[in-house]
Amino acid sequence: MGHSPFPPGTDTLSTLPRIVGARVTAYTHGQPTATDTLGVGQQVASVTTDANGRFQLPTLPGGLYIVTIAPPAGSAYQGVYVAAMAYEHSADYPWWVVLPLK
């Protein structure tokens, strides 16, 4: 469902399937606690990947963010979260979502 073809024998980021309709959400990074070991703060942006599996978050202040990536319902892929740095030009170019299979 909703991804580009996966050519056999390829394993580079440039040739992996791109996930269409994935929800990418960025949260500020706060102080970790006993119940929130990641330190997930306030939601600051949320976008959905386009027909090419690309997304662009709005310009965010530089710093560390927790980013969740949720595939569309019924997808063969699993969601992930990452800690990611935003820089001055992070919003200038599109990014792609590549997720592991369930």
PDB file of N, CA and C in Angstrom:
ATOM      1  N   MET A   1       0.834  -1.187   0.000  1.00  0.00           N
ATOM      2  CA  MET A   1       0.000   0.000   0.000  1.00  0.00           C
ATOM      3  C   MET A   1       0.875   1.245   0.000  1.00  0.00           C
ATOM      4  N   GLY A   2       0.716   2.118  -0.931  1.00  0.00           N
ATOM      5  CA  GLY A   2       1.270   3.451  -0.893  1.00  0.00           C
ATOM      6  C   GLY A   2       2.773   3.560  -0.773  1.00  0.00           C
ATOM      7  N   HIS A   3       3.537   2.797  -1.519  1.00  0.00           N
ATOM      8  CA  HIS A   3       4.980   3.004  -1.511  1.00  0.00           C
ATOM      9  C   HIS A   3       5.524   2.757  -2.916  1.00  0.00           C
ATOM     10  N   SER A   4       6.727   3.268  -3.136  1.00  0.00           N
ATOM     11  CA  SER A   4       7.343   3.078  -4.439  1.00  0.00           C
ATOM     12  C   SER A   4       7.818   1.639  -4.583  1.00  0.00           C
ATOM     13  N   PRO A   5       8.028   1.171  -5.821  1.00  0.00           N
ATOM     14  CA  PRO A   5       8.470  -0.211  -6.024  1.00  0.00           C
ATOM     15  C   PRO A   5       9.830  -0.458  -5.370  1.00  0.00           C
ATOM     16  N   PHE A   6      10.028  -1.652  -4.919  1.00  0.00           N
ATOM     17  CA  PHE A   6      11.283  -2.029  -4.280  1.00  0.00           C
ATOM     18  C   PHE A   6      12.049  -2.945  -5.213  1.00  0.00           C
ATOM     19  N   PRO A   7      13.059  -2.414  -5.916  1.00  0.00           N
ATOM     20  CA  PRO A   7      13.821  -3.252  -6.853  1.00  0.00           C
ATOM     21  C   PRO A   7      14.620  -4.326  -6.105  1.00  0.00           C
ATOM     22  N   PRO A   8      14.569  -5.563  -6.542  1.00  0.00           N
ATOM     23  CA  PRO A   8      15.325  -6.625  -5.879  1.00  0.00           C
ATOM     24  C   PRO A   8      16.829  -6.325  -5.873  1.00  0.00           C
ATOM     25  N   GLY A   9      17.474  -6.673  -4.778  1.00  0.00           N
ATOM     26  CA  GLY A   9      18.917  -6.538  -4.687  1.00  0.00           C
ATOM     27  C   GLY A   9      19.420  -5.135  -4.391  1.00  0.00           C
ATOM     28  N   THR A  10      18.536  -4.208  -4.083  1.00  0.00           N
ATOM     29  CA  THR A  10      18.983  -2.848  -3.771  1.00  0.00           C
ATOM     30  C   THR A  10      18.855  -2.599  -2.277  1.00  0.00           C
ATOM     31  N   ASP A  11      19.806  -1.879  -1.743  1.00  0.00           N
ATOM     32  CA  ASP A  11      19.764  -1.631  -0.301  1.00  0.00           C
ATOM     33  C   ASP A  11      20.319  -0.260   0.062  1.00  0.00           C
ATOM     34  N   THR A  12      20.212   0.694  -0.822  1.00  0.00           N
ATOM     35  CA  THR A  12      20.681   2.036  -0.505  1.00  0.00           C
ATOM     36  C   THR A  12      19.493   2.942  -0.239  1.00  0.00           C
ATOM     37  N   LEU A  13      19.708   4.021   0.491  1.00  0.00           N
ATOM     38  CA  LEU A  13      18.623   4.950   0.783  1.00  0.00           C
ATOM     39  C   LEU A  13      18.013   5.519  -0.487  1.00  0.00           C
ATOM     40  N   SER A  14      18.804   5.652  -1.535  1.00  0.00           N
ATOM     41  CA  SER A  14      18.270   6.225  -2.766  1.00  0.00           C
ATOM     42  C   SER A  14      17.347   5.274  -3.515  1.00  0.00           C
ATOM     43  N   THR A  15      17.376   3.984  -3.218  1.00  0.00           N
ATOM     44  CA  THR A  15      16.552   3.030  -3.953  1.00  0.00           C
ATOM     45  C   THR A  15      15.507   2.328  -3.092  1.00  0.00           C
ATOM     46  N   LEU A  16      15.470   2.581  -1.800  1.00  0.00           N
ATOM     47  CA  LEU A  16      14.465   1.948  -0.944  1.00  0.00           C
ATOM     48  C   LEU A  16      13.088   2.544  -1.204  1.00  0.00           C
ATOM     49  N   PRO A  17      12.021   1.789  -0.901  1.00  0.00           N
ATOM     50  CA  PRO A  17      10.666   2.314  -1.095  1.00  0.00           C
ATOM     51  C   PRO A  17      10.439   3.558  -0.246  1.00  0.00           C
ATOM     52  N   ARG A  18       9.757   4.518  -0.812  1.00  0.00           N
ATOM     53  CA  ARG A  18       9.397   5.746  -0.108  1.00  0.00           C
ATOM     54  C   ARG A  18       7.952   5.608   0.354  1.00  0.00           C
ATOM     55  N   ILE A  19       7.677   5.918   1.602  1.00  0.00           N
ATOM     56  CA  ILE A  19       6.362   5.692   2.193  1.00  0.00           C
ATOM     57  C   ILE A  19       5.444   6.888   1.943  1.00  0.00           C
ATOM     58  N   VAL A  20       4.341   6.647   1.269  1.00  0.00           N
ATOM     59  CA  VAL A  20       3.338   7.676   0.965  1.00  0.00           C
ATOM     60  C   VAL A  20       2.323   7.718   2.109  1.00  0.00           C
ATOM     61  N   GLY A  21       1.947   8.905   2.539  1.00  0.00           N
ATOM     62  CA  GLY A  21       0.901   9.057   3.550  1.00  0.00           C
ATOM     63  C   GLY A  21       1.344   8.807   4.972  1.00  0.00           C
ATOM     64  N   ALA A  22       2.647   8.793   5.233  1.00  0.00           N
ATOM     65  CA  ALA A  22       3.139   8.637   6.609  1.00  0.00           C
ATOM     66  C   ALA A  22       3.012   9.979   7.338  1.00  0.00           C
ATOM     67  N   ARG A  23       2.711   9.926   8.617  1.00  0.00           N
ATOM     68  CA  ARG A  23       2.582  11.136   9.437  1.00  0.00           C
ATOM     69  C   ARG A  23       3.899  11.368  10.172  1.00  0.00           C
ATOM     70  N   VAL A  24       4.509  12.537   9.938  1.00  0.00           N
ATOM     71  CA  VAL A  24       5.779  12.915  10.559  1.00  0.00           C
ATOM     72  C   VAL A  24       5.477  14.036  11.554  1.00  0.00           C
ATOM     73  N   THR A  25       5.774  13.802  12.823  1.00  0.00           N
ATOM     74  CA  THR A  25       5.459  14.770  13.866  1.00  0.00           C
ATOM     75  C   THR A  25       6.712  15.081  14.668  1.00  0.00           C
ATOM     76  N   ALA A  26       6.976  16.373  14.861  1.00  0.00           N
ATOM     77  CA  ALA A  26       8.153  16.820  15.623  1.00  0.00           C
ATOM     78  C   ALA A  26       7.713  17.384  16.965  1.00  0.00           C
ATOM     79  N   TYR A  27       8.470  17.017  17.996  1.00  0.00           N
ATOM     80  CA  TYR A  27       8.232  17.485  19.362  1.00  0.00           C
ATOM     81  C   TYR A  27       9.527  18.110  19.883  1.00  0.00           C
ATOM     82  N   THR A  28       9.388  19.097  20.734  1.00  0.00           N
ATOM     83  CA  THR A  28      10.583  19.633  21.374  1.00  0.00           C
ATOM     84  C   THR A  28      11.187  18.549  22.252  1.00  0.00           C
ATOM     85  N   HIS A  29      12.465  18.692  22.529  1.00  0.00           N
ATOM     86  CA  HIS A  29      13.139  17.740  23.413  1.00  0.00           C
ATOM     87  C   HIS A  29      13.256  18.379  24.783  1.00  0.00           C
ATOM     88  N   GLY A  30      12.703  17.709  25.769  1.00  0.00           N
ATOM     89  CA  GLY A  30      12.738  18.218  27.136  1.00  0.00           C
ATOM     90  C   GLY A  30      13.601  17.348  28.020  1.00  0.00           C
ATOM     91  N   GLN A  31      13.449  17.536  29.272  1.00  0.00           N
ATOM     92  CA  GLN A  31      14.200  16.766  30.265  1.00  0.00           C
ATOM     93  C   GLN A  31      13.581  15.381  30.429  1.00  0.00           C
ATOM     94  N   PRO A  32      14.341  14.310  30.229  1.00  0.00           N
ATOM     95  CA  PRO A  32      13.806  12.967  30.470  1.00  0.00           C
ATOM     96  C   PRO A  32      13.392  12.793  31.937  1.00  0.00           C
ATOM     97  N   THR A  33      12.385  11.974  32.145  1.00  0.00           N
ATOM     98  CA  THR A  33      11.899  11.669  33.491  1.00  0.00           C
ATOM     99  C   THR A  33      11.791  10.158  33.631  1.00  0.00           C
ATOM    100  N   ALA A  34      11.393   9.705  34.808  1.00  0.00           N
ATOM    101  CA  ALA A  34      11.228   8.270  35.043  1.00  0.00           C
ATOM    102  C   ALA A  34      10.131   7.687  34.155  1.00  0.00           C
ATOM    103  N   THR A  35       9.096   8.474  33.850  1.00  0.00           N
ATOM    104  CA  THR A  35       7.993   7.975  33.023  1.00  0.00           C
ATOM    105  C   THR A  35       8.121   8.367  31.554  1.00  0.00           C
ATOM    106  N   ASP A  36       9.021   9.286  31.235  1.00  0.00           N
ATOM    107  CA  ASP A  36       9.256   9.726  29.850  1.00  0.00           C
ATOM    108  C   ASP A  36      10.761   9.774  29.626  1.00  0.00           C
ATOM    109  N   THR A  37      11.334   8.624  29.352  1.00  0.00           N
ATOM    110  CA  THR A  37      12.796   8.522  29.259  1.00  0.00           C
ATOM    111  C   THR A  37      13.368   9.215  28.026  1.00  0.00           C
ATOM    112  N   LEU A  38      12.517   9.589  27.061  1.00  0.00           N
ATOM    113  CA  LEU A  38      12.994  10.308  25.881  1.00  0.00           C
ATOM    114  C   LEU A  38      12.988  11.817  26.078  1.00  0.00           C
ATOM    115  N   GLY A  39      12.154  12.301  26.975  1.00  0.00           N
ATOM    116  CA  GLY A  39      12.030  13.744  27.153  1.00  0.00           C
ATOM    117  C   GLY A  39      11.226  14.387  26.036  1.00  0.00           C
ATOM    118  N   VAL A  40      10.100  13.772  25.695  1.00  0.00           N
ATOM    119  CA  VAL A  40       9.249  14.304  24.641  1.00  0.00           C
ATOM    120  C   VAL A  40       8.515  15.532  25.162  1.00  0.00           C
ATOM    121  N   GLY A  41       8.708  16.641  24.459  1.00  0.00           N
ATOM    122  CA  GLY A  41       8.077  17.890  24.857  1.00  0.00           C
ATOM    123  C   GLY A  41       6.827  18.187  24.057  1.00  0.00           C
ATOM    124  N   GLN A  42       6.605  19.444  23.793  1.00  0.00           N
ATOM    125  CA  GLN A  42       5.422  19.926  23.085  1.00  0.00           C
ATOM    126  C   GLN A  42       5.521  19.662  21.584  1.00  0.00           C
ATOM    127  N   GLN A  43       4.390  19.287  20.961  1.00  0.00           N
ATOM    128  CA  GLN A  43       4.352  19.110  19.509  1.00  0.00           C
ATOM    129  C   GLN A  43       4.537  20.467  18.849  1.00  0.00           C
ATOM    130  N   VAL A  44       5.454  20.536  17.861  1.00  0.00           N
ATOM    131  CA  VAL A  44       5.726  21.809  17.185  1.00  0.00           C
ATOM    132  C   VAL A  44       5.445  21.764  15.684  1.00  0.00           C
ATOM    133  N   ALA A  45       5.288  20.580  15.114  1.00  0.00           N
ATOM    134  CA  ALA A  45       4.999  20.465  13.686  1.00  0.00           C
ATOM    135  C   ALA A  45       4.499  19.063  13.386  1.00  0.00           C
ATOM    136  N   SER A  46       3.641  18.958  12.350  1.00  0.00           N
ATOM    137  CA  SER A  46       3.164  17.658  11.900  1.00  0.00           C
ATOM    138  C   SER A  46       2.777  17.781  10.434  1.00  0.00           C
ATOM    139  N   VAL A  47       3.304  16.860   9.611  1.00  0.00           N
ATOM    140  CA  VAL A  47       3.028  16.850   8.175  1.00  0.00           C
ATOM    141  C   VAL A  47       2.838  15.405   7.716  1.00  0.00           C
ATOM    142  N   THR A  48       2.291  15.250   6.518  1.00  0.00           N
ATOM    143  CA  THR A  48       2.103  13.932   5.917  1.00  0.00           C
ATOM    144  C   THR A  48       2.960  13.855   4.657  1.00  0.00           C
ATOM    145  N   THR A  49       3.580  12.699   4.442  1.00  0.00           N
ATOM    146  CA  THR A  49       4.410  12.540   3.244  1.00  0.00           C
ATOM    147  C   THR A  49       3.538  12.585   1.988  1.00  0.00           C
ATOM    148  N   ASP A  50       4.114  13.115   0.917  1.00  0.00           N
ATOM    149  CA  ASP A  50       3.372  13.306  -0.334  1.00  0.00           C
ATOM    150  C   ASP A  50       3.405  12.037  -1.196  1.00  0.00           C
ATOM    151  N   ALA A  51       2.943  12.160  -2.431  1.00  0.00           N
ATOM    152  CA  ALA A  51       2.858  11.021  -3.357  1.00  0.00           C
ATOM    153  C   ALA A  51       4.218  10.429  -3.699  1.00  0.00           C
ATOM    154  N   ASN A  52       5.304  11.152  -3.418  1.00  0.00           N
ATOM    155  CA  ASN A  52       6.665  10.645  -3.629  1.00  0.00           C
ATOM    156  C   ASN A  52       7.320  10.228  -2.320  1.00  0.00           C
ATOM    157  N   GLY A  53       6.548  10.222  -1.230  1.00  0.00           N
ATOM    158  CA  GLY A  53       7.092   9.854   0.073  1.00  0.00           C
ATOM    159  C   GLY A  53       7.939  10.943   0.695  1.00  0.00           C
ATOM    160  N   ARG A  54       7.838  12.177   0.190  1.00  0.00           N
ATOM    161  CA  ARG A  54       8.654  13.285   0.694  1.00  0.00           C
ATOM    162  C   ARG A  54       7.863  14.119   1.690  1.00  0.00           C
ATOM    163  N   PHE A  55       8.601  14.827   2.556  1.00  0.00           N
ATOM    164  CA  PHE A  55       7.973  15.769   3.478  1.00  0.00           C
ATOM    165  C   PHE A  55       8.932  16.910   3.759  1.00  0.00           C
ATOM    166  N   GLN A  56       8.367  18.034   4.163  1.00  0.00           N
ATOM    167  CA  GLN A  56       9.144  19.177   4.622  1.00  0.00           C
ATOM    168  C   GLN A  56       8.475  19.725   5.863  1.00  0.00           C
ATOM    169  N   LEU A  57       9.203  19.724   6.959  1.00  0.00           N
ATOM    170  CA  LEU A  57       8.703  20.365   8.174  1.00  0.00           C
ATOM    171  C   LEU A  57       8.901  21.865   8.023  1.00  0.00           C
ATOM    172  N   PRO A  58       8.109  22.660   8.721  1.00  0.00           N
ATOM    173  CA  PRO A  58       8.340  24.101   8.679  1.00  0.00           C
ATOM    174  C   PRO A  58       9.666  24.443   9.354  1.00  0.00           C
ATOM    175  N   THR A  59      10.125  25.658   9.160  1.00  0.00           N
ATOM    176  CA  THR A  59      11.361  26.095   9.809  1.00  0.00           C
ATOM    177  C   THR A  59      11.175  26.050  11.316  1.00  0.00           C
ATOM    178  N   LEU A  60      12.071  25.358  11.980  1.00  0.00           N
ATOM    179  CA  LEU A  60      12.050  25.238  13.442  1.00  0.00           C
ATOM    180  C   LEU A  60      13.323  25.850  13.992  1.00  0.00           C
ATOM    181  N   PRO A  61      13.273  26.386  15.195  1.00  0.00           N
ATOM    182  CA  PRO A  61      14.513  26.871  15.806  1.00  0.00           C
ATOM    183  C   PRO A  61      15.526  25.733  15.887  1.00  0.00           C
ATOM    184  N   GLY A  62      16.793  26.042  15.713  1.00  0.00           N
ATOM    185  CA  GLY A  62      17.834  25.019  15.811  1.00  0.00           C
ATOM    186  C   GLY A  62      17.777  24.321  17.152  1.00  0.00           C
ATOM    187  N   GLY A  63      18.027  23.035  17.152  1.00  0.00           N
ATOM    188  CA  GLY A  63      18.038  22.270  18.397  1.00  0.00           C
ATOM    189  C   GLY A  63      17.628  20.835  18.168  1.00  0.00           C
ATOM    190  N   LEU A  64      17.547  20.111  19.255  1.00  0.00           N
ATOM    191  CA  LEU A  64      17.208  18.690  19.234  1.00  0.00           C
ATOM    192  C   LEU A  64      15.698  18.513  19.329  1.00  0.00           C
ATOM    193  N   TYR A  65      15.154  17.631  18.486  1.00  0.00           N
ATOM    194  CA  TYR A  65      13.727  17.325  18.470  1.00  0.00           C
ATOM    195  C   TYR A  65      13.539  15.814  18.499  1.00  0.00           C
ATOM    196  N   ILE A  66      12.414  15.383  19.041  1.00  0.00           N
ATOM    197  CA  ILE A  66      11.992  13.993  18.933  1.00  0.00           C
ATOM    198  C   ILE A  66      11.001  13.963  17.786  1.00  0.00           C
ATOM    199  N   VAL A  67      11.231  13.097  16.800  1.00  0.00           N
ATOM    200  CA  VAL A  67      10.384  13.016  15.617  1.00  0.00           C
ATOM    201  C   VAL A  67       9.800  11.611  15.534  1.00  0.00           C
ATOM    202  N   THR A  68       8.466  11.541  15.427  1.00  0.00           N
ATOM    203  CA  THR A  68       7.809  10.250  15.243  1.00  0.00           C
ATOM    204  C   THR A  68       7.363  10.141  13.791  1.00  0.00           C
ATOM    205  N   ILE A  69       7.419   8.928  13.278  1.00  0.00           N
ATOM    206  CA  ILE A  69       6.987   8.663  11.907  1.00  0.00           C
ATOM    207  C   ILE A  69       6.016   7.487  11.972  1.00  0.00           C
ATOM    208  N   ALA A  70       4.764   7.753  11.625  1.00  0.00           N
ATOM    209  CA  ALA A  70       3.712   6.737  11.679  1.00  0.00           C
ATOM    210  C   ALA A  70       3.245   6.427  10.267  1.00  0.00           C
ATOM    211  N   PRO A  71       3.348   5.168   9.839  1.00  0.00           N
ATOM    212  CA  PRO A  71       2.889   4.815   8.495  1.00  0.00           C
ATOM    213  C   PRO A  71       1.371   4.891   8.426  1.00  0.00           C
ATOM    214  N   PRO A  72       0.820   4.940   7.213  1.00  0.00           N
ATOM    215  CA  PRO A  72      -0.640   4.964   7.081  1.00  0.00           C
ATOM    216  C   PRO A  72      -1.246   3.640   7.551  1.00  0.00           C
ATOM    217  N   ALA A  73      -2.522   3.679   7.907  1.00  0.00           N
ATOM    218  CA  ALA A  73      -3.225   2.469   8.347  1.00  0.00           C
ATOM    219  C   ALA A  73      -3.117   1.382   7.283  1.00  0.00           C
ATOM    220  N   GLY A  74      -2.910   0.153   7.721  1.00  0.00           N
ATOM    221  CA  GLY A  74      -2.826  -0.972   6.808  1.00  0.00           C
ATOM    222  C   GLY A  74      -1.482  -1.141   6.138  1.00  0.00           C
ATOM    223  N   SER A  75      -0.519  -0.316   6.478  1.00  0.00           N
ATOM    224  CA  SER A  75       0.803  -0.381   5.869  1.00  0.00           C
ATOM    225  C   SER A  75       1.561  -1.623   6.326  1.00  0.00           C
ATOM    226  N   ALA A  76       2.463  -2.084   5.493  1.00  0.00           N
ATOM    227  CA  ALA A  76       3.328  -3.211   5.847  1.00  0.00           C
ATOM    228  C   ALA A  76       4.526  -2.747   6.668  1.00  0.00           C
ATOM    229  N   TYR A  77       4.608  -1.442   6.928  1.00  0.00           N
ATOM    230  CA  TYR A  77       5.755  -0.877   7.625  1.00  0.00           C
ATOM    231  C   TYR A  77       5.405  -0.527   9.058  1.00  0.00           C
ATOM    232  N   GLN A  78       6.419  -0.467   9.908  1.00  0.00           N
ATOM    233  CA  GLN A  78       6.210  -0.090  11.302  1.00  0.00           C
ATOM    234  C   GLN A  78       6.681   1.337  11.539  1.00  0.00           C
ATOM    235  N   GLY A  79       6.090   1.971  12.524  1.00  0.00           N
ATOM    236  CA  GLY A  79       6.465   3.329  12.877  1.00  0.00           C
ATOM    237  C   GLY A  79       7.777   3.355  13.647  1.00  0.00           C
ATOM    238  N   VAL A  80       8.388   4.530  13.684  1.00  0.00           N
ATOM    239  CA  VAL A  80       9.645   4.718  14.407  1.00  0.00           C
ATOM    240  C   VAL A  80       9.661   6.096  15.046  1.00  0.00           C
ATOM    241  N   TYR A  81      10.619   6.301  15.928  1.00  0.00           N
ATOM    242  CA  TYR A  81      10.897   7.635  16.435  1.00  0.00           C
ATOM    243  C   TYR A  81      12.398   7.835  16.389  1.00  0.00           C
ATOM    244  N   VAL A  82      12.809   9.075  16.239  1.00  0.00           N
ATOM    245  CA  VAL A  82      14.225   9.407  16.191  1.00  0.00           C
ATOM    246  C   VAL A  82      14.447  10.708  16.956  1.00  0.00           C
ATOM    247  N   ALA A  83      15.649  10.900  17.412  1.00  0.00           N
ATOM    248  CA  ALA A  83      16.082  12.198  17.930  1.00  0.00           C
ATOM    249  C   ALA A  83      16.822  12.854  16.771  1.00  0.00           C
ATOM    250  N   ALA A  84      16.402  14.052  16.390  1.00  0.00           N
ATOM    251  CA  ALA A  84      16.974  14.698  15.214  1.00  0.00           C
ATOM    252  C   ALA A  84      17.294  16.158  15.510  1.00  0.00           C
ATOM    253  N   MET A  85      18.384  16.633  14.932  1.00  0.00           N
ATOM    254  CA  MET A  85      18.764  18.040  15.067  1.00  0.00           C
ATOM    255  C   MET A  85      18.156  18.853  13.936  1.00  0.00           C
ATOM    256  N   ALA A  86      17.632  20.017  14.260  1.00  0.00           N
ATOM    257  CA  ALA A  86      17.197  20.974  13.242  1.00  0.00           C
ATOM    258  C   ALA A  86      18.281  22.034  13.144  1.00  0.00           C
ATOM    259  N   TYR A  87      18.599  22.390  11.931  1.00  0.00           N
ATOM    260  CA  TYR A  87      19.599  23.421  11.668  1.00  0.00           C
ATOM    261  C   TYR A  87      18.961  24.546  10.877  1.00  0.00           C
ATOM    262  N   GLU A  88      19.686  25.581  10.644  1.00  0.00           N
ATOM    263  CA  GLU A  88      19.180  26.771   9.964  1.00  0.00           C
ATOM    264  C   GLU A  88      18.509  26.452   8.629  1.00  0.00           C
ATOM    265  N   HIS A  89      19.043  25.492   7.890  1.00  0.00           N
ATOM    266  CA  HIS A  89      18.506  25.190   6.558  1.00  0.00           C
ATOM    267  C   HIS A  89      17.793  23.838   6.482  1.00  0.00           C
ATOM    268  N   SER A  90      17.427  23.258   7.632  1.00  0.00           N
ATOM    269  CA  SER A  90      16.773  21.947   7.629  1.00  0.00           C
ATOM    270  C   SER A  90      15.454  21.950   6.869  1.00  0.00           C
ATOM    271  N   ALA A  91      14.750  23.070   6.841  1.00  0.00           N
ATOM    272  CA  ALA A  91      13.448  23.132   6.170  1.00  0.00           C
ATOM    273  C   ALA A  91      13.554  23.520   4.697  1.00  0.00           C
ATOM    274  N   ASP A  92      14.760  23.746   4.207  1.00  0.00           N
ATOM    275  CA  ASP A  92      14.930  24.210   2.828  1.00  0.00           C
ATOM    276  C   ASP A  92      14.734  23.119   1.775  1.00  0.00           C
ATOM    277  N   TYR A  93      14.865  21.872   2.162  1.00  0.00           N
ATOM    278  CA  TYR A  93      14.824  20.774   1.200  1.00  0.00           C
ATOM    279  C   TYR A  93      13.908  19.670   1.713  1.00  0.00           C
ATOM    280  N   PRO A  94      13.326  18.890   0.791  1.00  0.00           N
ATOM    281  CA  PRO A  94      12.470  17.788   1.239  1.00  0.00           C
ATOM    282  C   PRO A  94      13.295  16.636   1.808  1.00  0.00           C
ATOM    283  N   TRP A  95      12.653  15.861   2.651  1.00  0.00           N
ATOM    284  CA  TRP A  95      13.217  14.644   3.221  1.00  0.00           C
ATOM    285  C   TRP A  95      12.315  13.498   2.809  1.00  0.00           C
ATOM    286  N   TRP A  96      12.802  12.264   2.912  1.00  0.00           N
ATOM    287  CA  TRP A  96      12.010  11.092   2.575  1.00  0.00           C
ATOM    288  C   TRP A  96      11.875  10.213   3.794  1.00  0.00           C
ATOM    289  N   VAL A  97      10.784   9.483   3.830  1.00  0.00           N
ATOM    290  CA  VAL A  97      10.546   8.521   4.907  1.00  0.00           C
ATOM    291  C   VAL A  97      10.861   7.133   4.363  1.00  0.00           C
ATOM    292  N   VAL A  98      11.718   6.418   5.065  1.00  0.00           N
ATOM    293  CA  VAL A  98      12.020   5.026   4.783  1.00  0.00           C
ATOM    294  C   VAL A  98      11.832   4.297   6.103  1.00  0.00           C
ATOM    295  N   LEU A  99      10.932   3.308   6.129  1.00  0.00           N
ATOM    296  CA  LEU A  99      10.609   2.606   7.360  1.00  0.00           C
ATOM    297  C   LEU A  99      10.893   1.116   7.241  1.00  0.00           C
ATOM    298  N   PRO A 100      11.167   0.458   8.378  1.00  0.00           N
ATOM    299  CA  PRO A 100      11.355  -1.000   8.347  1.00  0.00           C
ATOM    300  C   PRO A 100      10.024  -1.725   8.206  1.00  0.00           C
ATOM    301  N   LEU A 101      10.059  -2.911   7.610  1.00  0.00           N
ATOM    302  CA  LEU A 101       8.865  -3.762   7.531  1.00  0.00           C
ATOM    303  C   LEU A 101       8.494  -4.264   8.911  1.00  0.00           C
ATOM    304  N   LYS A 102       7.218  -4.574   9.110  1.00  0.00           N
ATOM    305  CA  LYS A 102       6.741  -5.132  10.389  1.00  0.00           C
ATOM    306  C   LYS A 102       7.288  -6.518  10.565  1.00  0.00           C
TER     307      LYS A 102
END
